[in-house]
Amino acid sequence: MFTDVPRVVRAAALSDAELAAVPLDPQQVVAGAPEVRVLPLHEAEQLEVGVWQHSEGVSTDVEADELFVVLSGRATVEVDGGPTLEVAPGDVGLLPAGARTTWTVHETLRKVYVVRP
């Protein structure tokens, strides 16, 4: 689904089938059986853009520099040594590279992300 031409992706309305399942490392799963799905829209050396979804459950991650916009769902993101973020539709989040996070997803979370790898 990569393209170099302008287009619109109705990301909030994509079916789960349109996002590829990305297995979580079992060591990242803290509670539940969360499933992560992704639709990459652009990947380059300095920039990645896509749609990311995390079902209900709790998992950990080490972040890249990221800006995201929540399309649907709700989550609590605990940043080790930092704030606890409550995110919901319409929220814009910023995560610095190297941040260790714990994502507690209360309702399946879907977001558009822009990452500097």
C-alpha atoms as a PDB file:
ATOM      1  CA  MET A   1       0.000   0.000   0.000  1.00  0.00           C
ATOM      2  CA  PHE A   2       3.052   2.276  -0.277  1.00  0.00           C
ATOM      3  CA  THR A   3       2.749   5.063  -2.775  1.00  0.00           C
ATOM      4  CA  ASP A   4       4.463   8.205  -3.937  1.00  0.00           C
ATOM      5  CA  VAL A   5       1.223   9.803  -5.113  1.00  0.00           C
ATOM      6  CA  PRO A   6      -1.179  11.850  -2.981  1.00  0.00           C
ATOM      7  CA  ARG A   7      -4.082   9.902  -1.514  1.00  0.00           C
ATOM      8  CA  VAL A   8      -6.473   9.641   1.413  1.00  0.00           C
ATOM      9  CA  VAL A   9      -6.619   6.628   3.721  1.00  0.00           C
ATOM     10  CA  ARG A  10      -9.771   6.380   5.820  1.00  0.00           C
ATOM     11  CA  ALA A  11      -7.704   5.017   8.688  1.00  0.00           C
ATOM     12  CA  ALA A  12     -10.436   5.073  11.328  1.00  0.00           C
ATOM     13  CA  ALA A  13     -12.663   2.922   9.103  1.00  0.00           C
ATOM     14  CA  LEU A  14     -10.111   0.299   8.002  1.00  0.00           C
ATOM     15  CA  SER A  15     -11.109  -3.268   8.771  1.00  0.00           C
ATOM     16  CA  ASP A  16      -8.776  -5.368  10.908  1.00  0.00           C
ATOM     17  CA  ALA A  17      -8.090  -7.455   7.795  1.00  0.00           C
ATOM     18  CA  GLU A  18      -6.490  -4.427   6.151  1.00  0.00           C
ATOM     19  CA  LEU A  19      -3.892  -4.191   8.920  1.00  0.00           C
ATOM     20  CA  ALA A  20      -1.206  -6.875   9.136  1.00  0.00           C
ATOM     21  CA  ALA A  21      -0.844  -8.736  12.434  1.00  0.00           C
ATOM     22  CA  VAL A  22       2.546  -8.126  14.046  1.00  0.00           C
ATOM     23  CA  PRO A  23       3.311 -10.634  16.803  1.00  0.00           C
ATOM     24  CA  LEU A  24       4.402  -9.159  20.109  1.00  0.00           C
ATOM     25  CA  ASP A  25       7.451 -10.674  21.757  1.00  0.00           C
ATOM     26  CA  PRO A  26       5.946 -12.721  24.629  1.00  0.00           C
ATOM     27  CA  GLN A  27       8.277 -10.857  27.009  1.00  0.00           C
ATOM     28  CA  GLN A  28       6.462  -7.623  26.106  1.00  0.00           C
ATOM     29  CA  VAL A  29       3.052  -8.946  27.181  1.00  0.00           C
ATOM     30  CA  VAL A  30       2.224  -7.994  30.766  1.00  0.00           C
ATOM     31  CA  ALA A  31      -1.488  -8.902  30.897  1.00  0.00           C
ATOM     32  CA  GLY A  32      -4.179 -10.251  28.611  1.00  0.00           C
ATOM     33  CA  ALA A  33      -3.522 -11.384  25.064  1.00  0.00           C
ATOM     34  CA  PRO A  34      -3.035  -8.114  23.183  1.00  0.00           C
ATOM     35  CA  GLU A  35      -2.748  -8.199  19.413  1.00  0.00           C
ATOM     36  CA  VAL A  36      -0.920  -5.540  17.427  1.00  0.00           C
ATOM     37  CA  ARG A  37      -1.763  -4.736  13.798  1.00  0.00           C
ATOM     38  CA  VAL A  38      -0.051  -2.290  11.464  1.00  0.00           C
ATOM     39  CA  LEU A  39      -0.596  -0.717   8.064  1.00  0.00           C
ATOM     40  CA  PRO A  40       2.653   0.923   6.927  1.00  0.00           C
ATOM     41  CA  LEU A  41       1.947   3.877   4.654  1.00  0.00           C
ATOM     42  CA  HIS A  42       5.479   5.193   4.100  1.00  0.00           C
ATOM     43  CA  GLU A  43       8.884   3.818   5.067  1.00  0.00           C
ATOM     44  CA  ALA A  44      12.140   5.635   4.383  1.00  0.00           C
ATOM     45  CA  GLU A  45      15.486   5.870   6.123  1.00  0.00           C
ATOM     46  CA  GLN A  46      14.465   8.932   8.152  1.00  0.00           C
ATOM     47  CA  LEU A  47      10.669   8.620   8.375  1.00  0.00           C
ATOM     48  CA  GLU A  48       7.976   5.999   8.866  1.00  0.00           C
ATOM     49  CA  VAL A  49       4.241   6.693   8.725  1.00  0.00           C
ATOM     50  CA  GLY A  50       1.411   4.265   9.273  1.00  0.00           C
ATOM     51  CA  VAL A  51      -1.619   3.089  11.187  1.00  0.00           C
ATOM     52  CA  TRP A  52      -1.078   1.059  14.379  1.00  0.00           C
ATOM     53  CA  GLN A  53      -3.646  -0.841  16.426  1.00  0.00           C
ATOM     54  CA  HIS A  54      -3.343  -2.553  19.823  1.00  0.00           C
ATOM     55  CA  SER A  55      -6.208  -4.625  21.239  1.00  0.00           C
ATOM     56  CA  GLU A  56      -7.162  -4.647  24.916  1.00  0.00           C
ATOM     57  CA  GLY A  57      -4.382  -5.781  27.213  1.00  0.00           C
ATOM     58  CA  VAL A  58      -1.059  -4.588  28.599  1.00  0.00           C
ATOM     59  CA  SER A  59       2.331  -4.589  26.888  1.00  0.00           C
ATOM     60  CA  THR A  60       5.697  -2.874  27.135  1.00  0.00           C
ATOM     61  CA  ASP A  61       7.813  -1.163  24.507  1.00  0.00           C
ATOM     62  CA  VAL A  62      10.939   0.908  23.969  1.00  0.00           C
ATOM     63  CA  GLU A  63       9.958   3.860  21.827  1.00  0.00           C
ATOM     64  CA  ALA A  64      11.447   5.607  18.799  1.00  0.00           C
ATOM     65  CA  ASP A  65      10.923   9.352  18.326  1.00  0.00           C
ATOM     66  CA  GLU A  66       7.210   9.365  17.602  1.00  0.00           C
ATOM     67  CA  LEU A  67       4.296  11.693  17.038  1.00  0.00           C
ATOM     68  CA  PHE A  68       0.868  10.019  16.981  1.00  0.00           C
ATOM     69  CA  VAL A  69      -2.798  10.912  16.720  1.00  0.00           C
ATOM     70  CA  VAL A  70      -5.342   8.609  18.375  1.00  0.00           C
ATOM     71  CA  LEU A  71      -8.218   7.742  16.057  1.00  0.00           C
ATOM     72  CA  SER A  72     -10.170   5.426  18.350  1.00  0.00           C
ATOM     73  CA  GLY A  73      -9.954   3.621  21.668  1.00  0.00           C
ATOM     74  CA  ARG A  74      -8.456   4.506  25.036  1.00  0.00           C
ATOM     75  CA  ALA A  75      -5.171   3.713  26.742  1.00  0.00           C
ATOM     76  CA  THR A  76      -2.951   4.634  29.647  1.00  0.00           C
ATOM     77  CA  VAL A  77       0.713   4.952  28.715  1.00  0.00           C
ATOM     78  CA  GLU A  78       3.130   4.860  31.633  1.00  0.00           C
ATOM     79  CA  VAL A  79       6.577   6.244  30.821  1.00  0.00           C
ATOM     80  CA  ASP A  80       9.345   4.915  33.093  1.00  0.00           C
ATOM     81  CA  GLY A  81      10.709   7.892  35.029  1.00  0.00           C
ATOM     82  CA  GLY A  82       8.182  10.174  33.350  1.00  0.00           C
ATOM     83  CA  PRO A  83       4.506  10.982  33.165  1.00  0.00           C
ATOM     84  CA  THR A  84       1.481   8.737  32.817  1.00  0.00           C
ATOM     85  CA  LEU A  85      -0.442   9.662  29.694  1.00  0.00           C
ATOM     86  CA  GLU A  86      -4.174   9.089  29.219  1.00  0.00           C
ATOM     87  CA  VAL A  87      -4.937   8.979  25.501  1.00  0.00           C
ATOM     88  CA  ALA A  88      -8.270   8.939  23.661  1.00  0.00           C
ATOM     89  CA  PRO A  89      -9.616   9.904  20.216  1.00  0.00           C
ATOM     90  CA  GLY A  90      -8.276  13.205  18.960  1.00  0.00           C
ATOM     91  CA  ASP A  91      -5.276  13.252  21.288  1.00  0.00           C
ATOM     92  CA  VAL A  92      -1.819  13.964  19.881  1.00  0.00           C
ATOM     93  CA  GLY A  93       1.036  12.214  21.675  1.00  0.00           C
ATOM     94  CA  LEU A  94       4.788  12.649  21.615  1.00  0.00           C
ATOM     95  CA  LEU A  95       7.232   9.958  22.728  1.00  0.00           C
ATOM     96  CA  PRO A  96      11.013  10.407  22.757  1.00  0.00           C
ATOM     97  CA  ALA A  97      13.396   7.754  21.467  1.00  0.00           C
ATOM     98  CA  GLY A  98      14.453   5.327  24.184  1.00  0.00           C
ATOM     99  CA  ALA A  99      11.434   5.913  26.429  1.00  0.00           C
ATOM    100  CA  ARG A 100      10.399   2.681  28.129  1.00  0.00           C
ATOM    101  CA  THR A 101       6.626   2.498  28.161  1.00  0.00           C
ATOM    102  CA  THR A 102       3.838   0.291  29.446  1.00  0.00           C
ATOM    103  CA  TRP A 103       0.652   0.475  27.373  1.00  0.00           C
ATOM    104  CA  THR A 104      -2.574  -0.443  29.193  1.00  0.00           C
ATOM    105  CA  VAL A 105      -5.171  -0.511  26.449  1.00  0.00           C
ATOM    106  CA  HIS A 106      -8.710  -0.238  27.841  1.00  0.00           C
ATOM    107  CA  GLU A 107     -10.480  -0.175  24.434  1.00  0.00           C
ATOM    108  CA  THR A 108      -8.757  -1.264  21.213  1.00  0.00           C
ATOM    109  CA  LEU A 109      -6.504   1.660  20.325  1.00  0.00           C
ATOM    110  CA  ARG A 110      -5.913   2.794  16.755  1.00  0.00           C
ATOM    111  CA  LYS A 111      -3.510   5.610  15.953  1.00  0.00           C
ATOM    112  CA  VAL A 112      -1.716   7.194  13.033  1.00  0.00           C
ATOM    113  CA  TYR A 113       1.993   7.400  13.762  1.00  0.00           C
ATOM    114  CA  VAL A 114       4.987   9.270  12.393  1.00  0.00           C
ATOM    115  CA  VAL A 115       8.279   7.789  13.569  1.00  0.00           C
ATOM    116  CA  ARG A 116      11.873   8.816  13.087  1.00  0.00           C
ATOM    117  CA  PRO A 117      13.679   5.454  13.278  1.00  0.00           C
END
